[in-house]
Amino acid sequence: MSKATRERLDSFWELSDELLNTVLFVLIGVEVLALSFDLPYLIAGLVAVPLVLAARWITVMAQVGGFSLVREFSEKTVPSWPRG
């Protein structure tokens, strides 16, 4: 690919990413308006957020660990990943 083609392709994917993120956050905002804020839902949300963040961290750490066998990552990719 030529440099101009690569730049246009990168621009296309960046624009697609921004548009999809915009749609996602608008849909989340609309859903928040439709929610009822009862105590059980608030407790479930407070429990779910750390669980989802921990699960995401574990999956990213596992993928970086697996791919680090064939590719080198920067030190800040997963901050607490042990370096050998």
N, C-alpha and C. Protein backbone atom coordinates (compact mmCIF):
# COMPACT_ATOMS: atom_id res chain seq x y z
N MET A 1 0.84 -1.18 0.00
CA MET A 1 0.00 0.00 0.00
C MET A 1 0.88 1.24 0.00
N SER A 2 0.41 2.23 -0.68
CA SER A 2 1.15 3.49 -0.68
C SER A 2 0.91 4.21 0.64
N LYS A 3 1.73 5.20 0.92
CA LYS A 3 1.61 5.96 2.16
C LYS A 3 0.26 6.68 2.22
N ALA A 4 -0.18 7.25 1.10
CA ALA A 4 -1.46 7.96 1.06
C ALA A 4 -2.62 7.01 1.32
N THR A 5 -2.56 5.81 0.75
CA THR A 5 -3.62 4.81 0.97
C THR A 5 -3.66 4.40 2.43
N ARG A 6 -2.50 4.17 3.01
CA ARG A 6 -2.43 3.78 4.42
C ARG A 6 -3.00 4.88 5.32
N GLU A 7 -2.68 6.14 5.02
CA GLU A 7 -3.20 7.26 5.82
C GLU A 7 -4.72 7.36 5.69
N ARG A 8 -5.24 7.17 4.48
CA ARG A 8 -6.69 7.22 4.29
C ARG A 8 -7.38 6.07 5.00
N LEU A 9 -6.78 4.89 4.95
CA LEU A 9 -7.34 3.74 5.63
C LEU A 9 -7.34 3.96 7.14
N ASP A 10 -6.25 4.47 7.68
CA ASP A 10 -6.19 4.79 9.11
C ASP A 10 -7.24 5.83 9.48
N SER A 11 -7.40 6.84 8.65
CA SER A 11 -8.41 7.87 8.90
C SER A 11 -9.81 7.29 8.89
N PHE A 12 -10.08 6.39 7.94
CA PHE A 12 -11.39 5.75 7.88
C PHE A 12 -11.69 4.98 9.16
N TRP A 13 -10.72 4.17 9.63
CA TRP A 13 -10.96 3.37 10.83
C TRP A 13 -11.06 4.25 12.07
N GLU A 14 -10.30 5.33 12.14
CA GLU A 14 -10.42 6.25 13.27
C GLU A 14 -11.79 6.90 13.29
N LEU A 15 -12.28 7.32 12.12
CA LEU A 15 -13.61 7.91 12.05
C LEU A 15 -14.68 6.90 12.40
N SER A 16 -14.55 5.67 11.91
CA SER A 16 -15.51 4.61 12.24
C SER A 16 -15.52 4.37 13.75
N ASP A 17 -14.36 4.34 14.37
CA ASP A 17 -14.25 4.14 15.81
C ASP A 17 -14.94 5.27 16.56
N GLU A 18 -14.71 6.49 16.16
CA GLU A 18 -15.34 7.63 16.83
C GLU A 18 -16.85 7.61 16.68
N LEU A 19 -17.34 7.28 15.49
CA LEU A 19 -18.79 7.23 15.28
C LEU A 19 -19.44 6.12 16.10
N LEU A 20 -18.82 4.95 16.12
CA LEU A 20 -19.38 3.85 16.91
C LEU A 20 -19.34 4.14 18.40
N ASN A 21 -18.28 4.79 18.88
CA ASN A 21 -18.23 5.19 20.29
C ASN A 21 -19.32 6.20 20.61
N THR A 22 -19.56 7.13 19.68
CA THR A 22 -20.62 8.11 19.88
C THR A 22 -21.98 7.43 19.99
N VAL A 23 -22.26 6.51 19.09
CA VAL A 23 -23.53 5.79 19.13
C VAL A 23 -23.65 4.99 20.43
N LEU A 24 -22.57 4.34 20.84
CA LEU A 24 -22.58 3.55 22.06
C LEU A 24 -22.92 4.42 23.27
N PHE A 25 -22.27 5.57 23.41
CA PHE A 25 -22.50 6.40 24.58
C PHE A 25 -23.87 7.08 24.54
N VAL A 26 -24.39 7.38 23.37
CA VAL A 26 -25.75 7.90 23.27
C VAL A 26 -26.74 6.83 23.72
N LEU A 27 -26.54 5.59 23.28
CA LEU A 27 -27.42 4.50 23.71
C LEU A 27 -27.32 4.25 25.21
N ILE A 28 -26.12 4.34 25.77
CA ILE A 28 -25.97 4.19 27.22
C ILE A 28 -26.71 5.31 27.94
N GLY A 29 -26.60 6.53 27.43
CA GLY A 29 -27.31 7.66 28.04
C GLY A 29 -28.82 7.48 27.98
N VAL A 30 -29.34 6.99 26.88
CA VAL A 30 -30.78 6.75 26.75
C VAL A 30 -31.21 5.65 27.73
N GLU A 31 -30.39 4.63 27.89
CA GLU A 31 -30.72 3.56 28.82
C GLU A 31 -30.72 4.06 30.26
N VAL A 32 -29.79 4.93 30.61
CA VAL A 32 -29.75 5.48 31.97
C VAL A 32 -31.04 6.23 32.26
N LEU A 33 -31.59 6.92 31.29
CA LEU A 33 -32.85 7.65 31.49
C LEU A 33 -34.01 6.70 31.77
N ALA A 34 -33.94 5.48 31.25
CA ALA A 34 -35.03 4.52 31.40
C ALA A 34 -34.90 3.67 32.66
N LEU A 35 -33.76 3.74 33.34
CA LEU A 35 -33.56 2.91 34.52
C LEU A 35 -34.27 3.48 35.73
N SER A 36 -34.68 2.58 36.62
CA SER A 36 -35.17 3.01 37.92
C SER A 36 -34.05 2.76 38.92
N PHE A 37 -33.77 3.73 39.75
CA PHE A 37 -32.65 3.64 40.67
C PHE A 37 -33.12 3.12 42.03
N ASP A 38 -33.36 1.82 42.10
CA ASP A 38 -33.71 1.16 43.35
C ASP A 38 -32.44 0.64 44.00
N LEU A 39 -32.48 0.42 45.29
CA LEU A 39 -31.31 -0.02 46.04
C LEU A 39 -30.69 -1.32 45.50
N PRO A 40 -31.47 -2.35 45.18
CA PRO A 40 -30.83 -3.57 44.66
C PRO A 40 -30.06 -3.34 43.35
N TYR A 41 -30.58 -2.46 42.50
CA TYR A 41 -29.89 -2.17 41.24
C TYR A 41 -28.60 -1.40 41.49
N LEU A 42 -28.62 -0.48 42.43
CA LEU A 42 -27.41 0.27 42.76
C LEU A 42 -26.34 -0.65 43.35
N ILE A 43 -26.75 -1.56 44.22
CA ILE A 43 -25.79 -2.50 44.80
C ILE A 43 -25.23 -3.42 43.72
N ALA A 44 -26.08 -3.90 42.83
CA ALA A 44 -25.61 -4.76 41.73
C ALA A 44 -24.62 -4.01 40.85
N GLY A 45 -24.88 -2.75 40.59
CA GLY A 45 -23.95 -1.94 39.80
C GLY A 45 -22.62 -1.74 40.49
N LEU A 46 -22.67 -1.48 41.80
CA LEU A 46 -21.44 -1.28 42.56
C LEU A 46 -20.61 -2.55 42.64
N VAL A 47 -21.25 -3.70 42.62
CA VAL A 47 -20.54 -4.98 42.63
C VAL A 47 -20.04 -5.32 41.22
N ALA A 48 -20.84 -5.01 40.21
CA ALA A 48 -20.51 -5.41 38.84
C ALA A 48 -19.32 -4.63 38.28
N VAL A 49 -19.22 -3.35 38.59
CA VAL A 49 -18.15 -2.53 38.00
C VAL A 49 -16.77 -3.08 38.35
N PRO A 50 -16.44 -3.31 39.64
CA PRO A 50 -15.11 -3.88 39.93
C PRO A 50 -14.89 -5.27 39.33
N LEU A 51 -15.96 -6.09 39.31
CA LEU A 51 -15.82 -7.42 38.72
C LEU A 51 -15.50 -7.36 37.23
N VAL A 52 -16.17 -6.49 36.51
CA VAL A 52 -15.92 -6.36 35.08
C VAL A 52 -14.52 -5.80 34.83
N LEU A 53 -14.11 -4.81 35.63
CA LEU A 53 -12.76 -4.25 35.46
C LEU A 53 -11.69 -5.31 35.76
N ALA A 54 -11.90 -6.10 36.79
CA ALA A 54 -10.94 -7.17 37.12
C ALA A 54 -10.89 -8.22 36.01
N ALA A 55 -12.05 -8.60 35.49
CA ALA A 55 -12.08 -9.59 34.40
C ALA A 55 -11.38 -9.06 33.17
N ARG A 56 -11.59 -7.78 32.87
CA ARG A 56 -10.91 -7.18 31.70
C ARG A 56 -9.41 -7.17 31.91
N TRP A 57 -8.96 -6.81 33.11
CA TRP A 57 -7.53 -6.76 33.40
C TRP A 57 -6.92 -8.16 33.26
N ILE A 58 -7.61 -9.16 33.77
CA ILE A 58 -7.10 -10.54 33.69
C ILE A 58 -7.00 -11.01 32.24
N THR A 59 -8.01 -10.72 31.43
CA THR A 59 -7.96 -11.17 30.03
C THR A 59 -6.87 -10.44 29.25
N VAL A 60 -6.71 -9.14 29.50
CA VAL A 60 -5.63 -8.40 28.81
C VAL A 60 -4.28 -8.93 29.25
N MET A 61 -4.12 -9.17 30.55
CA MET A 61 -2.86 -9.69 31.06
C MET A 61 -2.54 -11.06 30.45
N ALA A 62 -3.56 -11.91 30.34
CA ALA A 62 -3.34 -13.24 29.75
C ALA A 62 -2.96 -13.14 28.28
N GLN A 63 -3.61 -12.26 27.55
CA GLN A 63 -3.29 -12.11 26.13
C GLN A 63 -1.90 -11.54 25.94
N VAL A 64 -1.53 -10.54 26.73
CA VAL A 64 -0.19 -9.98 26.62
C VAL A 64 0.84 -11.03 27.00
N GLY A 65 0.54 -11.81 28.03
CA GLY A 65 1.46 -12.88 28.43
C GLY A 65 1.65 -13.90 27.33
N GLY A 66 0.56 -14.29 26.68
CA GLY A 66 0.67 -15.26 25.60
C GLY A 66 1.38 -14.70 24.38
N PHE A 67 1.01 -13.48 23.99
CA PHE A 67 1.62 -12.89 22.81
C PHE A 67 3.05 -12.43 23.05
N SER A 68 3.44 -12.25 24.33
CA SER A 68 4.81 -11.82 24.60
C SER A 68 5.82 -12.92 24.24
N LEU A 69 5.33 -14.13 24.01
CA LEU A 69 6.22 -15.20 23.57
C LEU A 69 6.67 -14.99 22.13
N VAL A 70 5.86 -14.27 21.33
CA VAL A 70 6.19 -14.04 19.92
C VAL A 70 6.36 -12.57 19.57
N ARG A 71 6.06 -11.67 20.51
CA ARG A 71 6.12 -10.25 20.23
C ARG A 71 6.53 -9.52 21.50
N GLU A 72 7.26 -8.42 21.36
CA GLU A 72 7.69 -7.66 22.52
C GLU A 72 6.72 -6.50 22.76
N PHE A 73 6.34 -6.29 24.02
CA PHE A 73 5.45 -5.21 24.40
C PHE A 73 6.21 -4.19 25.24
N SER A 74 5.72 -2.95 25.26
CA SER A 74 6.36 -1.94 26.10
C SER A 74 6.06 -2.23 27.56
N GLU A 75 6.83 -1.64 28.45
CA GLU A 75 6.68 -1.90 29.88
C GLU A 75 5.33 -1.45 30.42
N LYS A 76 4.72 -0.46 29.82
CA LYS A 76 3.47 0.09 30.34
C LYS A 76 2.22 -0.56 29.74
N THR A 77 2.36 -1.64 28.98
CA THR A 77 1.20 -2.29 28.37
C THR A 77 0.28 -2.81 29.46
N VAL A 78 0.79 -3.59 30.38
CA VAL A 78 0.07 -4.00 31.58
C VAL A 78 0.99 -3.61 32.73
N PRO A 79 0.67 -2.54 33.47
CA PRO A 79 1.61 -1.98 34.42
C PRO A 79 2.19 -2.94 35.45
N SER A 80 1.42 -3.89 35.96
CA SER A 80 1.97 -4.75 36.99
C SER A 80 2.41 -6.11 36.45
N TRP A 81 2.57 -6.22 35.15
CA TRP A 81 3.00 -7.47 34.54
C TRP A 81 4.46 -7.72 34.90
N PRO A 82 4.81 -8.88 35.47
CA PRO A 82 6.20 -9.14 35.85
C PRO A 82 7.09 -9.28 34.62
N ARG A 83 8.18 -8.58 34.62
CA ARG A 83 9.14 -8.64 33.51
C ARG A 83 10.22 -9.65 33.82
N GLY A 84 10.59 -10.43 32.82
CA GLY A 84 11.60 -11.45 33.05
C GLY A 84 12.80 -11.28 32.18
